[in-house]
């Protein structure tokens, strides 16, 4: 799983093994907090198992979901490079196991292994690209289209029918898509006309291409890849 993450995918095996010996795994049960907004940014993380959400609290006290990362994803790279405090709170959505990489060790490795710098920049760019796509979705798409885009990102096929299970509860999905729970329910109802059937957490799409057409006339949709 570590090698399949964006952060370490292009790191040479010998360097990766040397780095992993200096890291350790940490468990975070569902509902537990890994760190809170404002804590010193001493670590970066890779999700080895489970799923976590990154949130910020607005001045008005509302929780904004910045990202939801299932296994294989990393976070904290940018703040590790910059230094300072975490800009988000991270909470486990499912029972999770994470690889904890101390920023001090990262900087020590960067001095002798420039390949790690390239990997970290690549991972940071990937997160930035996702953020740009999400801003585009929020501004350009309706709630039903944003939900359709999310479902497309979960689909195990690029065309034809498919079935899958929602990765987390609908309240979190609504927050992730910048919607109220009642708006999410209406959006699911609207998607029935486009071949989407939902029974609790189970989703069936009659034809993925029909759903893509609903979102955009182009095949290159502003979809964030297959990340939940």
Protein backbone atom coordinates (compact mmCIF):
# COMPACT_ATOMS: atom_id res chain seq x y z
CA UNK A 1 0.00 0.00 0.00
CA UNK A 2 2.85 2.41 0.81
CA UNK A 3 4.40 1.93 -2.65
CA UNK A 4 1.02 2.48 -4.31
CA UNK A 5 0.53 5.87 -2.65
CA UNK A 6 1.08 9.00 -4.74
CA UNK A 7 3.72 10.14 -2.27
CA UNK A 8 6.00 7.09 -2.55
CA UNK A 9 5.07 5.64 -5.95
CA UNK A 10 8.18 7.03 -7.67
CA UNK A 11 10.61 6.70 -4.78
CA UNK A 12 13.36 4.09 -5.44
CA UNK A 13 12.81 0.89 -3.43
CA UNK A 14 16.10 1.05 -1.53
CA UNK A 15 15.50 4.64 -0.45
CA UNK A 16 11.89 3.87 0.48
CA UNK A 17 12.90 0.91 2.64
CA UNK A 18 15.47 3.06 4.42
CA UNK A 19 12.89 5.76 5.08
CA UNK A 20 10.23 3.30 6.27
CA UNK A 21 12.61 1.94 8.91
CA UNK A 22 12.54 5.39 10.52
CA UNK A 23 8.74 5.66 10.46
CA UNK A 24 6.06 3.90 12.45
CA UNK A 25 2.42 2.95 12.14
CA UNK A 26 -0.31 4.48 14.25
CA UNK A 27 -3.89 3.32 14.73
CA UNK A 28 -6.83 5.71 14.83
CA UNK A 29 -10.21 4.11 15.65
CA UNK A 30 -13.35 5.43 13.97
CA UNK A 31 -14.40 8.77 15.46
CA UNK A 32 -11.00 9.47 17.02
CA UNK A 33 -8.97 12.55 16.15
CA UNK A 34 -5.44 12.21 14.78
CA UNK A 35 -4.61 15.89 15.28
CA UNK A 36 -6.51 19.17 15.47
CA UNK A 37 -6.30 22.42 13.55
CA UNK A 38 -3.49 24.50 15.05
CA UNK A 39 -1.37 21.60 16.34
CA UNK A 40 2.35 21.72 15.46
CA UNK A 41 2.90 20.00 12.10
CA UNK A 42 5.45 17.41 13.20
CA UNK A 43 4.31 14.57 10.94
CA UNK A 44 3.01 13.72 7.50
CA UNK A 45 0.85 10.65 6.94
CA UNK A 46 -0.08 7.87 4.52
CA UNK A 47 -3.40 6.08 5.01
CA UNK A 48 -2.56 2.35 5.03
CA UNK A 49 -6.03 1.16 5.99
CA UNK A 50 -9.41 2.81 6.54
CA UNK A 51 -10.44 6.38 5.77
CA UNK A 52 -9.98 9.83 7.33
CA UNK A 53 -11.59 13.23 6.86
CA UNK A 54 -9.83 16.60 6.89
CA UNK A 55 -11.93 19.44 8.27
CA UNK A 56 -11.75 23.10 9.22
CA UNK A 57 -13.92 25.03 11.63
CA UNK A 58 -15.28 28.32 10.28
CA UNK A 59 -15.42 31.50 12.41
CA UNK A 60 -19.14 30.77 12.78
CA UNK A 61 -18.40 27.35 14.26
CA UNK A 62 -19.44 25.24 11.26
CA UNK A 63 -17.42 22.23 10.17
CA UNK A 64 -16.21 22.30 6.57
CA UNK A 65 -14.98 19.02 5.09
CA UNK A 66 -11.85 19.82 3.09
CA UNK A 67 -11.08 16.28 1.94
CA UNK A 68 -11.83 12.63 2.60
CA UNK A 69 -8.92 10.24 2.05
CA UNK A 70 -9.26 6.44 1.86
CA UNK A 71 -6.29 4.06 1.95
CA UNK A 72 -3.41 4.85 -0.37
CA UNK A 73 -3.66 8.60 0.07
CA UNK A 74 -1.23 10.87 1.88
CA UNK A 75 -1.58 14.25 3.54
CA UNK A 76 0.54 16.79 5.36
CA UNK A 77 3.26 17.04 2.71
CA UNK A 78 2.86 20.77 2.04
CA UNK A 79 2.90 21.79 5.68
CA UNK A 80 5.85 19.45 6.27
CA UNK A 81 7.81 21.34 3.62
CA UNK A 82 6.66 24.76 4.86
CA UNK A 83 6.68 24.14 8.58
CA UNK A 84 4.21 25.60 11.05
CA UNK A 85 0.85 24.32 12.28
CA UNK A 86 -1.73 22.00 10.78
CA UNK A 87 -4.45 24.00 8.95
CA UNK A 88 -7.00 21.19 9.39
CA UNK A 89 -8.31 18.65 11.88
CA UNK A 90 -8.08 14.98 10.89
CA UNK A 91 -10.59 12.42 12.17
CA UNK A 92 -10.97 8.74 11.33
CA UNK A 93 -14.14 7.97 9.37
CA UNK A 94 -13.39 4.25 9.68
CA UNK A 95 -11.00 2.30 11.90
CA UNK A 96 -7.73 3.39 10.32
CA UNK A 97 -4.02 2.60 10.30
CA UNK A 98 -1.62 5.29 9.12
CA UNK A 99 2.08 5.53 8.41
CA UNK A 100 3.46 8.40 10.46
CA UNK A 101 6.48 10.14 8.92
CA UNK A 102 8.29 12.64 11.13
CA UNK A 103 9.06 15.90 9.31
CA UNK A 104 12.55 15.97 10.85
CA UNK A 105 13.33 12.65 9.15
CA UNK A 106 11.90 13.96 5.87
CA UNK A 107 14.27 16.95 5.92
CA UNK A 108 17.25 14.75 6.80
CA UNK A 109 16.44 12.48 3.86
CA UNK A 110 15.90 15.41 1.48
CA UNK A 111 19.49 16.54 2.04
CA UNK A 112 20.85 13.32 0.56
CA UNK A 113 17.99 11.94 -1.55
CA UNK A 114 16.59 14.50 -4.04
CA UNK A 115 14.20 11.86 -5.44
CA UNK A 116 12.10 12.30 -2.30
CA UNK A 117 11.73 16.02 -3.03
CA UNK A 118 10.37 15.20 -6.49
CA UNK A 119 7.92 12.71 -4.96
CA UNK A 120 6.70 15.23 -2.38
CA UNK A 121 6.25 17.93 -5.00
CA UNK A 122 4.31 15.50 -7.18
CA UNK A 123 2.02 14.59 -4.28
CA UNK A 124 1.51 18.24 -3.34
CA UNK A 125 0.65 19.09 -6.95
CA UNK A 126 -1.85 16.22 -7.00
CA UNK A 127 -3.63 17.66 -3.96
CA UNK A 128 -3.62 21.13 -5.53
CA UNK A 129 -5.08 19.76 -8.77
CA UNK A 130 -7.86 18.06 -6.82
CA UNK A 131 -8.65 21.32 -5.03
CA UNK A 132 -8.85 23.24 -8.31
CA UNK A 133 -11.20 20.60 -9.75
CA UNK A 134 -13.42 20.77 -6.68
CA UNK A 135 -13.65 24.57 -6.85
CA UNK A 136 -14.58 24.23 -10.52
CA UNK A 137 -17.26 21.68 -9.61
CA UNK A 138 -18.71 23.91 -6.88
CA UNK A 139 -18.95 26.90 -9.20
CA UNK A 140 -19.99 25.20 -12.44
CA UNK A 141 -22.16 22.24 -11.43
CA UNK A 142 -25.55 21.85 -9.77
CA UNK A 143 -25.89 19.76 -6.63
CA UNK A 144 -27.16 16.78 -8.64
CA UNK A 145 -24.24 17.12 -11.07
CA UNK A 146 -21.72 17.25 -8.20
CA UNK A 147 -23.28 14.11 -6.75
CA UNK A 148 -23.13 12.45 -10.17
CA UNK A 149 -19.44 13.38 -10.46
CA UNK A 150 -18.82 11.84 -7.04
CA UNK A 151 -20.61 8.62 -8.04
CA UNK A 152 -18.62 8.46 -11.29
CA UNK A 153 -15.40 8.67 -9.25
CA UNK A 154 -16.53 5.64 -7.23
CA UNK A 155 -17.61 3.53 -10.21
CA UNK A 156 -15.44 0.46 -10.88
CA UNK A 157 -16.00 0.77 -14.66
CA UNK A 158 -15.74 3.56 -17.23
CA UNK A 159 -18.87 2.54 -19.12
CA UNK A 160 -21.80 0.18 -18.82
CA UNK A 161 -23.76 -0.78 -15.69
CA UNK A 162 -22.18 -1.14 -12.26
CA UNK A 163 -22.92 -1.47 -8.57
CA UNK A 164 -20.95 -0.30 -5.57
CA UNK A 165 -21.33 0.73 -1.93
CA UNK A 166 -21.05 4.30 -0.68
CA UNK A 167 -17.73 4.60 1.19
CA UNK A 168 -19.12 6.59 4.12
CA UNK A 169 -22.40 7.94 5.48
CA UNK A 170 -24.58 10.37 3.54
CA UNK A 171 -24.13 13.20 6.05
CA UNK A 172 -20.39 13.18 5.35
CA UNK A 173 -21.02 12.88 1.61
CA UNK A 174 -23.24 15.98 1.79
CA UNK A 175 -20.53 17.95 3.61
CA UNK A 176 -17.91 16.68 1.17
CA UNK A 177 -19.97 18.01 -1.74
CA UNK A 178 -20.83 21.33 -0.09
CA UNK A 179 -24.51 20.45 0.35
CA UNK A 180 -27.12 20.17 3.09
CA UNK A 181 -28.38 16.62 3.84
CA UNK A 182 -31.82 17.49 2.46
CA UNK A 183 -30.22 18.78 -0.75
CA UNK A 184 -28.32 15.52 -1.08
CA UNK A 185 -31.57 13.56 -0.76
CA UNK A 186 -33.15 15.68 -3.52
CA UNK A 187 -30.09 15.17 -5.70
CA UNK A 188 -30.29 11.39 -5.30
CA UNK A 189 -33.97 11.60 -6.26
CA UNK A 190 -33.11 13.69 -9.33
CA UNK A 191 -30.54 11.12 -10.45
CA UNK A 192 -33.18 8.38 -10.67
CA UNK A 193 -34.10 9.85 -14.07
CA UNK A 194 -30.48 9.25 -15.12
CA UNK A 195 -30.35 5.60 -14.17
CA UNK A 196 -29.20 5.78 -10.55
CA UNK A 197 -30.84 3.55 -7.95
CA UNK A 198 -29.96 3.80 -4.25
CA UNK A 199 -30.92 1.44 -1.43
CA UNK A 200 -29.32 2.66 1.81
CA UNK A 201 -25.57 2.45 1.06
CA UNK A 202 -25.92 0.34 -2.10
CA UNK A 203 -25.80 2.17 -5.45
CA UNK A 204 -26.60 0.81 -8.90
CA UNK A 205 -25.96 2.82 -12.05
CA UNK A 206 -27.67 1.52 -15.19
CA UNK A 207 -25.16 3.18 -17.54
CA UNK A 208 -22.13 5.20 -16.44
CA UNK A 209 -21.95 7.01 -19.79
CA UNK A 210 -25.49 8.31 -19.25
CA UNK A 211 -24.38 9.75 -15.93
CA UNK A 212 -21.32 11.34 -17.55
CA UNK A 213 -23.53 12.90 -20.21
CA UNK A 214 -25.68 14.41 -17.47
CA UNK A 215 -22.63 16.09 -15.95
CA UNK A 216 -20.96 17.25 -19.17
CA UNK A 217 -21.08 16.92 -22.92
CA UNK A 218 -17.30 16.30 -22.85
CA UNK A 219 -15.70 12.98 -22.01
CA UNK A 220 -13.00 14.74 -19.97
CA UNK A 221 -15.02 15.55 -16.88
CA UNK A 222 -13.76 17.49 -13.87
CA UNK A 223 -13.72 14.28 -11.85
CA UNK A 224 -11.12 13.73 -9.11
CA UNK A 225 -10.14 10.28 -10.23
CA UNK A 226 -11.08 7.31 -8.10
CA UNK A 227 -10.75 8.85 -4.67
CA UNK A 228 -13.61 8.65 -2.25
